[in-house]
Amino acid sequence: MRAPDNIEKYQEHYNEKGFLKKLPKAARKAGSKLVYCALLLYYVLKNPSVSKGDKGKIYGALGYFLLPLDILPDFIPFAGYTDDLSALLWALHTVWKNITPEIKAQAAAKTSEWFGDFNHNHIDEQIVK
């Protein structure tokens, strides 16, 4: 799994207010998998025991997601969020040890609010591989 080059440079683009504003707006276009992955990372950031290094990776991936113009601009139908998803999956893979059952439950519950019945198990399996 590969993230966009130098993902750490995108840290400065992350802010919680921007994330909480963009995610619901992008949800339908981006899909449940991206939303779930973004929420997992968001909830990990709330954990004070997560290392600064892991938080830096998360800030970079979420910052990349917030950028409207990136490698594949978000407005491109069917492809616009694929690079964002790659960045999120890379970050999740590298910080997976911080994902607790409670964080999975929070992210799945919020994703279900927007998409209906949502099963995260197959996504979790893909991330840890």
C-alpha atoms as a PDB file:
ATOM      1  CA  MET A   1       0.000   0.000   0.000  1.00  0.00           C
ATOM      2  CA  ARG A   2       1.488   3.323  -1.052  1.00  0.00           C
ATOM      3  CA  ALA A   3       0.584   6.829   0.012  1.00  0.00           C
ATOM      4  CA  PRO A   4       1.052   9.904  -2.144  1.00  0.00           C
ATOM      5  CA  ASP A   5       4.658  11.096  -2.006  1.00  0.00           C
ATOM      6  CA  ASN A   6       5.693  12.953   1.143  1.00  0.00           C
ATOM      7  CA  ILE A   7       2.308  12.681   2.798  1.00  0.00           C
ATOM      8  CA  GLU A   8       3.667  14.421   5.876  1.00  0.00           C
ATOM      9  CA  LYS A   9       3.696  17.737   3.966  1.00  0.00           C
ATOM     10  CA  TYR A  10      -0.112  17.667   3.986  1.00  0.00           C
ATOM     11  CA  GLN A  11      -0.317  17.887   7.796  1.00  0.00           C
ATOM     12  CA  GLU A  12      -0.752  21.641   7.656  1.00  0.00           C
ATOM     13  CA  HIS A  13      -3.966  21.212   5.647  1.00  0.00           C
ATOM     14  CA  TYR A  14      -5.764  19.258   8.366  1.00  0.00           C
ATOM     15  CA  ASN A  15      -8.093  20.957  10.794  1.00  0.00           C
ATOM     16  CA  GLU A  16     -10.956  19.356  12.646  1.00  0.00           C
ATOM     17  CA  LYS A  17     -13.540  21.935  11.608  1.00  0.00           C
ATOM     18  CA  GLY A  18     -12.687  21.507   7.923  1.00  0.00           C
ATOM     19  CA  PHE A  19     -12.765  17.725   8.247  1.00  0.00           C
ATOM     20  CA  LEU A  20     -16.154  17.682   9.982  1.00  0.00           C
ATOM     21  CA  LYS A  21     -17.530  20.011   7.305  1.00  0.00           C
ATOM     22  CA  LYS A  22     -16.162  18.136   4.268  1.00  0.00           C
ATOM     23  CA  LEU A  23     -16.803  14.519   5.267  1.00  0.00           C
ATOM     24  CA  PRO A  24     -20.633  14.644   5.277  1.00  0.00           C
ATOM     25  CA  LYS A  25     -20.625  16.622   2.011  1.00  0.00           C
ATOM     26  CA  ALA A  26     -18.261  14.166   0.322  1.00  0.00           C
ATOM     27  CA  ALA A  27     -19.822  11.030   1.786  1.00  0.00           C
ATOM     28  CA  ARG A  28     -22.104  10.049  -1.096  1.00  0.00           C
ATOM     29  CA  LYS A  29     -19.495  10.676  -3.782  1.00  0.00           C
ATOM     30  CA  ALA A  30     -16.619   9.189  -1.799  1.00  0.00           C
ATOM     31  CA  GLY A  31     -18.467   6.091  -0.578  1.00  0.00           C
ATOM     32  CA  SER A  32     -18.792   4.217   2.677  1.00  0.00           C
ATOM     33  CA  LYS A  33     -15.300   2.704   2.590  1.00  0.00           C
ATOM     34  CA  LEU A  34     -13.591   6.091   2.438  1.00  0.00           C
ATOM     35  CA  VAL A  35     -15.900   7.535   5.078  1.00  0.00           C
ATOM     36  CA  TYR A  36     -15.254   4.636   7.445  1.00  0.00           C
ATOM     37  CA  CYS A  37     -11.478   4.895   6.949  1.00  0.00           C
ATOM     38  CA  ALA A  38     -11.501   8.656   7.502  1.00  0.00           C
ATOM     39  CA  LEU A  39     -13.580   8.259  10.657  1.00  0.00           C
ATOM     40  CA  LEU A  40     -11.265   5.579  12.038  1.00  0.00           C
ATOM     41  CA  LEU A  41      -8.335   7.981  11.671  1.00  0.00           C
ATOM     42  CA  TYR A  42     -10.340  10.867  13.112  1.00  0.00           C
ATOM     43  CA  TYR A  43     -11.231   8.883  16.221  1.00  0.00           C
ATOM     44  CA  VAL A  44      -7.633   7.676  16.665  1.00  0.00           C
ATOM     45  CA  LEU A  45      -6.553  11.335  16.788  1.00  0.00           C
ATOM     46  CA  LYS A  46      -8.800  11.795  19.821  1.00  0.00           C
ATOM     47  CA  ASN A  47      -6.791   9.207  21.787  1.00  0.00           C
ATOM     48  CA  PRO A  48      -4.122  10.995  23.875  1.00  0.00           C
ATOM     49  CA  SER A  49      -1.970   7.852  24.077  1.00  0.00           C
ATOM     50  CA  VAL A  50      -1.304   7.753  20.305  1.00  0.00           C
ATOM     51  CA  SER A  51       2.287   8.695  19.494  1.00  0.00           C
ATOM     52  CA  LYS A  52       3.155  11.987  17.808  1.00  0.00           C
ATOM     53  CA  GLY A  53       4.627  10.033  14.912  1.00  0.00           C
ATOM     54  CA  ASP A  54       1.379   8.155  14.306  1.00  0.00           C
ATOM     55  CA  LYS A  55      -0.641  11.343  14.687  1.00  0.00           C
ATOM     56  CA  GLY A  56       1.621  12.985  12.100  1.00  0.00           C
ATOM     57  CA  LYS A  57       0.797  10.241   9.598  1.00  0.00           C
ATOM     58  CA  ILE A  58      -2.899  10.674  10.305  1.00  0.00           C
ATOM     59  CA  TYR A  59      -2.737  14.465  10.001  1.00  0.00           C
ATOM     60  CA  GLY A  60      -0.983  14.041   6.658  1.00  0.00           C
ATOM     61  CA  ALA A  61      -3.578  11.608   5.291  1.00  0.00           C
ATOM     62  CA  LEU A  62      -6.559  13.628   6.528  1.00  0.00           C
ATOM     63  CA  GLY A  63      -4.935  16.843   5.302  1.00  0.00           C
ATOM     64  CA  TYR A  64      -4.563  15.264   1.865  1.00  0.00           C
ATOM     65  CA  PHE A  65      -8.254  14.302   1.969  1.00  0.00           C
ATOM     66  CA  LEU A  66      -9.200  17.923   2.729  1.00  0.00           C
ATOM     67  CA  LEU A  67      -7.377  19.311  -0.294  1.00  0.00           C
ATOM     68  CA  PRO A  68      -9.821  19.871  -3.162  1.00  0.00           C
ATOM     69  CA  LEU A  69      -7.073  19.729  -5.784  1.00  0.00           C
ATOM     70  CA  ASP A  70      -4.690  16.847  -5.339  1.00  0.00           C
ATOM     71  CA  ILE A  71      -3.313  14.147  -7.641  1.00  0.00           C
ATOM     72  CA  LEU A  72      -6.857  13.280  -8.763  1.00  0.00           C
ATOM     73  CA  PRO A  73      -9.163  16.245  -8.090  1.00  0.00           C
ATOM     74  CA  ASP A  74     -12.186  15.219  -6.020  1.00  0.00           C
ATOM     75  CA  PHE A  75     -14.699  16.478  -8.589  1.00  0.00           C
ATOM     76  CA  ILE A  76     -13.699  13.838 -11.177  1.00  0.00           C
ATOM     77  CA  PRO A  77     -16.549  11.291 -11.289  1.00  0.00           C
ATOM     78  CA  PHE A  78     -15.707   7.756 -10.061  1.00  0.00           C
ATOM     79  CA  ALA A  79     -11.977   8.478  -9.716  1.00  0.00           C
ATOM     80  CA  GLY A  80     -11.747  11.711  -7.726  1.00  0.00           C
ATOM     81  CA  TYR A  81     -11.439  10.088  -4.317  1.00  0.00           C
ATOM     82  CA  THR A  82      -9.272   7.079  -5.199  1.00  0.00           C
ATOM     83  CA  ASP A  83      -6.042   8.873  -4.317  1.00  0.00           C
ATOM     84  CA  ASP A  84      -7.583  10.104  -1.064  1.00  0.00           C
ATOM     85  CA  LEU A  85      -8.622   6.559  -0.204  1.00  0.00           C
ATOM     86  CA  SER A  86      -5.085   5.334  -0.915  1.00  0.00           C
ATOM     87  CA  ALA A  87      -3.663   7.902   1.494  1.00  0.00           C
ATOM     88  CA  LEU A  88      -6.203   6.974   4.185  1.00  0.00           C
ATOM     89  CA  LEU A  89      -5.597   3.235   3.774  1.00  0.00           C
ATOM     90  CA  TRP A  90      -1.839   3.744   3.962  1.00  0.00           C
ATOM     91  CA  ALA A  91      -2.199   5.737   7.189  1.00  0.00           C
ATOM     92  CA  LEU A  92      -4.579   3.156   8.660  1.00  0.00           C
ATOM     93  CA  HIS A  93      -2.232   0.335   7.806  1.00  0.00           C
ATOM     94  CA  THR A  94       0.671   2.100   9.541  1.00  0.00           C
ATOM     95  CA  VAL A  95      -1.270   3.046  12.699  1.00  0.00           C
ATOM     96  CA  TRP A  96      -3.536  -0.029  12.947  1.00  0.00           C
ATOM     97  CA  LYS A  97      -2.165  -0.951  16.393  1.00  0.00           C
ATOM     98  CA  ASN A  98      -4.051   2.117  17.720  1.00  0.00           C
ATOM     99  CA  ILE A  99      -7.446   1.008  16.396  1.00  0.00           C
ATOM    100  CA  THR A 100      -9.472  -0.323  19.302  1.00  0.00           C
ATOM    101  CA  PRO A 101     -12.818  -2.148  19.122  1.00  0.00           C
ATOM    102  CA  GLU A 102     -14.396   1.040  20.507  1.00  0.00           C
ATOM    103  CA  ILE A 103     -12.943   3.142  17.679  1.00  0.00           C
ATOM    104  CA  LYS A 104     -14.187   0.625  15.106  1.00  0.00           C
ATOM    105  CA  ALA A 105     -17.648   0.737  16.681  1.00  0.00           C
ATOM    106  CA  GLN A 106     -17.729   4.560  16.662  1.00  0.00           C
ATOM    107  CA  ALA A 107     -16.639   4.768  13.026  1.00  0.00           C
ATOM    108  CA  ALA A 108     -19.039   2.020  11.929  1.00  0.00           C
ATOM    109  CA  ALA A 109     -21.973   3.615  13.772  1.00  0.00           C
ATOM    110  CA  LYS A 110     -21.367   7.006  12.152  1.00  0.00           C
ATOM    111  CA  THR A 111     -20.905   5.406   8.723  1.00  0.00           C
ATOM    112  CA  SER A 112     -24.194   3.508   9.224  1.00  0.00           C
ATOM    113  CA  GLU A 113     -25.961   6.810   9.973  1.00  0.00           C
ATOM    114  CA  TRP A 114     -25.079   8.025   6.477  1.00  0.00           C
ATOM    115  CA  PHE A 115     -25.220   4.773   4.518  1.00  0.00           C
ATOM    116  CA  GLY A 116     -27.586   2.475   6.369  1.00  0.00           C
ATOM    117  CA  ASP A 117     -26.546  -1.026   7.360  1.00  0.00           C
ATOM    118  CA  PHE A 118     -22.737  -1.080   7.233  1.00  0.00           C
ATOM    119  CA  ASN A 119     -20.380  -3.991   7.864  1.00  0.00           C
ATOM    120  CA  HIS A 120     -16.783  -2.954   8.475  1.00  0.00           C
ATOM    121  CA  ASN A 121     -15.251  -6.415   8.889  1.00  0.00           C
ATOM    122  CA  HIS A 122     -14.227  -6.878   5.248  1.00  0.00           C
ATOM    123  CA  ILE A 123     -12.607  -3.416   5.198  1.00  0.00           C
ATOM    124  CA  ASP A 124     -10.719  -4.147   8.432  1.00  0.00           C
ATOM    125  CA  GLU A 125      -9.365  -7.346   6.913  1.00  0.00           C
ATOM    126  CA  GLN A 126      -8.119  -5.475   3.826  1.00  0.00           C
ATOM    127  CA  ILE A 127      -6.338  -2.859   5.930  1.00  0.00           C
ATOM    128  CA  VAL A 128      -4.379  -5.259   8.133  1.00  0.00           C
ATOM    129  CA  LYS A 129      -3.103  -7.312   5.183  1.00  0.00           C
END
